[in-house]
Amino acid sequence: MSWSWPAEASTVRHTVVEWLRGQQLTDPPLSDIALLISEAVTNAVIHAYVGHPSPGEVSVVIDAGAEEVLVEVSDRGNGLRPRPDSPGLGYGLAVMVAVAKRFEAQTAEDRGTRVRAWFSRDPAVATPAD
């Protein structure tokens, strides 16, 4: 399943979580996926389109397989780069890495950022250990 929203959208997490509930996804990993989506979309809204004339878009793709769920959040903005005037605390990527079974982020200036994270569907192993 895939969706796209303007980069100021606030309904992204709710829409994706409701769709995953319809796919009989349990919690965990549902709350971990919701947290990752919030962090990734917030990063796109705050950082991706700085200096762009319009807010741009954020896309979410979900592949809900039998064993694991792949979550992909992408934008077509500036890419991952330092921002000295950042309004955030700078922990978003660390939080995403912490909740996912596997995580990757790819970026290219003027082609945006793509975050991909995999989550086990098995509630017993869904949230990574401390």
C-alpha atoms as a PDB file:
ATOM      1  CA  MET A   1       0.000   0.000   0.000  1.00  0.00           C
ATOM      2  CA  SER A   2       1.260   3.508  -0.661  1.00  0.00           C
ATOM      3  CA  TRP A   3       0.160   7.063   0.089  1.00  0.00           C
ATOM      4  CA  SER A   4       1.425  10.602  -0.533  1.00  0.00           C
ATOM      5  CA  TRP A   5       0.627  13.764   1.409  1.00  0.00           C
ATOM      6  CA  PRO A   6       1.729  17.390   1.389  1.00  0.00           C
ATOM      7  CA  ALA A   7       4.749  17.667   3.702  1.00  0.00           C
ATOM      8  CA  GLU A   8       2.657  19.525   6.255  1.00  0.00           C
ATOM      9  CA  ALA A   9       0.184  16.650   6.682  1.00  0.00           C
ATOM     10  CA  SER A  10      -0.661  15.647  10.238  1.00  0.00           C
ATOM     11  CA  THR A  11      -2.838  12.626   9.420  1.00  0.00           C
ATOM     12  CA  VAL A  12      -0.067  10.387   8.079  1.00  0.00           C
ATOM     13  CA  ARG A  13       0.480   8.251  11.195  1.00  0.00           C
ATOM     14  CA  HIS A  14      -3.234   7.821  11.879  1.00  0.00           C
ATOM     15  CA  THR A  15      -4.000   6.768   8.293  1.00  0.00           C
ATOM     16  CA  VAL A  16      -1.180   4.207   8.146  1.00  0.00           C
ATOM     17  CA  VAL A  17      -1.887   2.765  11.610  1.00  0.00           C
ATOM     18  CA  GLU A  18      -5.586   2.333  10.828  1.00  0.00           C
ATOM     19  CA  TRP A  19      -4.709   0.555   7.584  1.00  0.00           C
ATOM     20  CA  LEU A  20      -2.284  -1.763   9.428  1.00  0.00           C
ATOM     21  CA  ARG A  21      -4.949  -2.562  12.040  1.00  0.00           C
ATOM     22  CA  GLY A  22      -7.143  -3.631   9.142  1.00  0.00           C
ATOM     23  CA  GLN A  23      -4.345  -6.013   8.137  1.00  0.00           C
ATOM     24  CA  GLN A  24      -4.579  -7.637  11.605  1.00  0.00           C
ATOM     25  CA  LEU A  25      -1.206  -6.274  12.723  1.00  0.00           C
ATOM     26  CA  THR A  26      -0.804  -6.548  16.508  1.00  0.00           C
ATOM     27  CA  ASP A  27       0.942  -4.318  18.998  1.00  0.00           C
ATOM     28  CA  PRO A  28       3.862  -4.662  19.099  1.00  0.00           C
ATOM     29  CA  PRO A  29       4.978  -3.857  16.416  1.00  0.00           C
ATOM     30  CA  LEU A  30       2.136  -1.405  15.675  1.00  0.00           C
ATOM     31  CA  SER A  31       3.227   1.255  18.191  1.00  0.00           C
ATOM     32  CA  ASP A  32       6.842   0.982  17.012  1.00  0.00           C
ATOM     33  CA  ILE A  33       5.752   1.522  13.408  1.00  0.00           C
ATOM     34  CA  ALA A  34       3.623   4.500  14.464  1.00  0.00           C
ATOM     35  CA  LEU A  35       6.630   6.030  16.253  1.00  0.00           C
ATOM     36  CA  LEU A  36       8.900   5.507  13.252  1.00  0.00           C
ATOM     37  CA  ILE A  37       6.361   7.073  10.891  1.00  0.00           C
ATOM     38  CA  SER A  38       5.954  10.067  13.202  1.00  0.00           C
ATOM     39  CA  GLU A  39       9.713  10.615  13.396  1.00  0.00           C
ATOM     40  CA  ALA A  40      10.335  10.137   9.674  1.00  0.00           C
ATOM     41  CA  VAL A  41       7.457  12.354   8.560  1.00  0.00           C
ATOM     42  CA  THR A  42       8.381  15.025  11.121  1.00  0.00           C
ATOM     43  CA  ASN A  43      11.936  15.018   9.768  1.00  0.00           C
ATOM     44  CA  ALA A  44      10.600  15.494   6.244  1.00  0.00           C
ATOM     45  CA  VAL A  45       8.239  18.288   7.299  1.00  0.00           C
ATOM     46  CA  ILE A  46      10.913  20.152   9.298  1.00  0.00           C
ATOM     47  CA  HIS A  47      14.019  19.526   7.184  1.00  0.00           C
ATOM     48  CA  ALA A  48      13.361  18.261   3.663  1.00  0.00           C
ATOM     49  CA  TYR A  49      11.932  21.323   2.012  1.00  0.00           C
ATOM     50  CA  VAL A  50      13.798  24.173   3.738  1.00  0.00           C
ATOM     51  CA  GLY A  51      14.405  26.801   1.070  1.00  0.00           C
ATOM     52  CA  HIS A  52      11.891  25.283  -1.359  1.00  0.00           C
ATOM     53  CA  PRO A  53       9.036  27.487  -2.610  1.00  0.00           C
ATOM     54  CA  SER A  54       6.343  24.889  -1.816  1.00  0.00           C
ATOM     55  CA  PRO A  55       5.940  22.350   1.006  1.00  0.00           C
ATOM     56  CA  GLY A  56       6.618  19.304  -1.189  1.00  0.00           C
ATOM     57  CA  GLU A  57       5.365  15.785  -0.490  1.00  0.00           C
ATOM     58  CA  VAL A  58       5.948  12.906   1.872  1.00  0.00           C
ATOM     59  CA  SER A  59       5.270   9.364   0.669  1.00  0.00           C
ATOM     60  CA  VAL A  60       4.723   6.239   2.749  1.00  0.00           C
ATOM     61  CA  VAL A  61       4.859   2.694   1.382  1.00  0.00           C
ATOM     62  CA  ILE A  62       3.943  -0.341   3.490  1.00  0.00           C
ATOM     63  CA  ASP A  63       4.682  -3.925   2.529  1.00  0.00           C
ATOM     64  CA  ALA A  64       2.928  -6.087   5.129  1.00  0.00           C
ATOM     65  CA  GLY A  65       4.442  -9.505   4.538  1.00  0.00           C
ATOM     66  CA  ALA A  66       3.729 -12.726   6.394  1.00  0.00           C
ATOM     67  CA  GLU A  67       6.821 -12.488   8.646  1.00  0.00           C
ATOM     68  CA  GLU A  68       7.681  -8.804   8.690  1.00  0.00           C
ATOM     69  CA  VAL A  69       6.433  -5.351   7.747  1.00  0.00           C
ATOM     70  CA  LEU A  70       8.500  -2.987   5.624  1.00  0.00           C
ATOM     71  CA  VAL A  71       7.853   0.728   6.152  1.00  0.00           C
ATOM     72  CA  GLU A  72       9.278   3.238   3.687  1.00  0.00           C
ATOM     73  CA  VAL A  73       8.981   7.008   4.150  1.00  0.00           C
ATOM     74  CA  SER A  74      10.411   9.256   1.456  1.00  0.00           C
ATOM     75  CA  ASP A  75      10.538  12.848   0.311  1.00  0.00           C
ATOM     76  CA  ARG A  76      12.016  14.724  -2.656  1.00  0.00           C
ATOM     77  CA  GLY A  77      13.688  17.419  -0.574  1.00  0.00           C
ATOM     78  CA  ASN A  78      17.191  18.497   0.392  1.00  0.00           C
ATOM     79  CA  GLY A  79      18.500  15.163   1.638  1.00  0.00           C
ATOM     80  CA  LEU A  80      20.068  14.480   5.030  1.00  0.00           C
ATOM     81  CA  ARG A  81      22.481  17.232   5.908  1.00  0.00           C
ATOM     82  CA  PRO A  82      23.337  19.247   9.001  1.00  0.00           C
ATOM     83  CA  ARG A  83      21.033  22.134   9.822  1.00  0.00           C
ATOM     84  CA  PRO A  84      22.475  24.492  12.457  1.00  0.00           C
ATOM     85  CA  ASP A  85      19.100  26.204  12.986  1.00  0.00           C
ATOM     86  CA  SER A  86      17.258  22.909  13.522  1.00  0.00           C
ATOM     87  CA  PRO A  87      14.192  23.246  15.758  1.00  0.00           C
ATOM     88  CA  GLY A  88      14.400  19.576  16.791  1.00  0.00           C
ATOM     89  CA  LEU A  89      16.518  17.796  19.385  1.00  0.00           C
ATOM     90  CA  GLY A  90      18.341  15.624  16.840  1.00  0.00           C
ATOM     91  CA  TYR A  91      17.251  12.229  18.195  1.00  0.00           C
ATOM     92  CA  GLY A  92      14.836  11.236  15.402  1.00  0.00           C
ATOM     93  CA  LEU A  93      17.180   8.904  13.505  1.00  0.00           C
ATOM     94  CA  ALA A  94      18.395   7.257  16.722  1.00  0.00           C
ATOM     95  CA  VAL A  95      14.798   6.594  17.799  1.00  0.00           C
ATOM     96  CA  MET A  96      13.977   5.061  14.409  1.00  0.00           C
ATOM     97  CA  VAL A  97      17.031   2.797  14.539  1.00  0.00           C
ATOM     98  CA  ALA A  98      16.152   1.730  18.095  1.00  0.00           C
ATOM     99  CA  VAL A  99      12.603   0.556  17.328  1.00  0.00           C
ATOM    100  CA  ALA A 100      13.232  -1.208  14.005  1.00  0.00           C
ATOM    101  CA  LYS A 101      14.496  -4.733  13.417  1.00  0.00           C
ATOM    102  CA  ARG A 102      16.538  -3.392  10.465  1.00  0.00           C
ATOM    103  CA  PHE A 103      16.915   0.208   9.324  1.00  0.00           C
ATOM    104  CA  GLU A 104      18.439   2.101   6.417  1.00  0.00           C
ATOM    105  CA  ALA A 105      18.403   5.703   5.255  1.00  0.00           C
ATOM    106  CA  GLN A 106      19.461   6.896   1.819  1.00  0.00           C
ATOM    107  CA  THR A 107      19.779  10.471   0.718  1.00  0.00           C
ATOM    108  CA  ALA A 108      20.772  12.499  -2.297  1.00  0.00           C
ATOM    109  CA  GLU A 109      20.691  16.288  -2.506  1.00  0.00           C
ATOM    110  CA  ASP A 110      17.724  17.504  -4.568  1.00  0.00           C
ATOM    111  CA  ARG A 111      16.444  13.925  -4.792  1.00  0.00           C
ATOM    112  CA  GLY A 112      15.425  13.591  -1.186  1.00  0.00           C
ATOM    113  CA  THR A 113      15.638  11.040   1.573  1.00  0.00           C
ATOM    114  CA  ARG A 114      14.260   7.531   1.831  1.00  0.00           C
ATOM    115  CA  VAL A 115      13.978   5.801   5.189  1.00  0.00           C
ATOM    116  CA  ARG A 116      13.277   2.074   5.206  1.00  0.00           C
ATOM    117  CA  ALA A 117      12.619   0.013   8.319  1.00  0.00           C
ATOM    118  CA  TRP A 118      11.617  -3.581   8.877  1.00  0.00           C
ATOM    119  CA  PHE A 119       9.545  -4.849  11.811  1.00  0.00           C
ATOM    120  CA  SER A 120       8.840  -8.431  12.861  1.00  0.00           C
ATOM    121  CA  ARG A 121       5.134  -9.322  12.879  1.00  0.00           C
ATOM    122  CA  ASP A 122       5.745 -11.678  15.813  1.00  0.00           C
ATOM    123  CA  PRO A 123       4.816  -9.703  18.963  1.00  0.00           C
ATOM    124  CA  ALA A 124       7.260 -11.762  21.042  1.00  0.00           C
ATOM    125  CA  VAL A 125      10.233 -10.406  19.078  1.00  0.00           C
ATOM    126  CA  ALA A 126       8.760  -7.263  17.536  1.00  0.00           C
ATOM    127  CA  THR A 127      10.394  -4.661  19.776  1.00  0.00           C
ATOM    128  CA  PRO A 128      14.197  -4.943  19.802  1.00  0.00           C
ATOM    129  CA  ALA A 129      15.769  -5.680  23.176  1.00  0.00           C
ATOM    130  CA  ASP A 130      17.437  -2.882  25.158  1.00  0.00           C
END
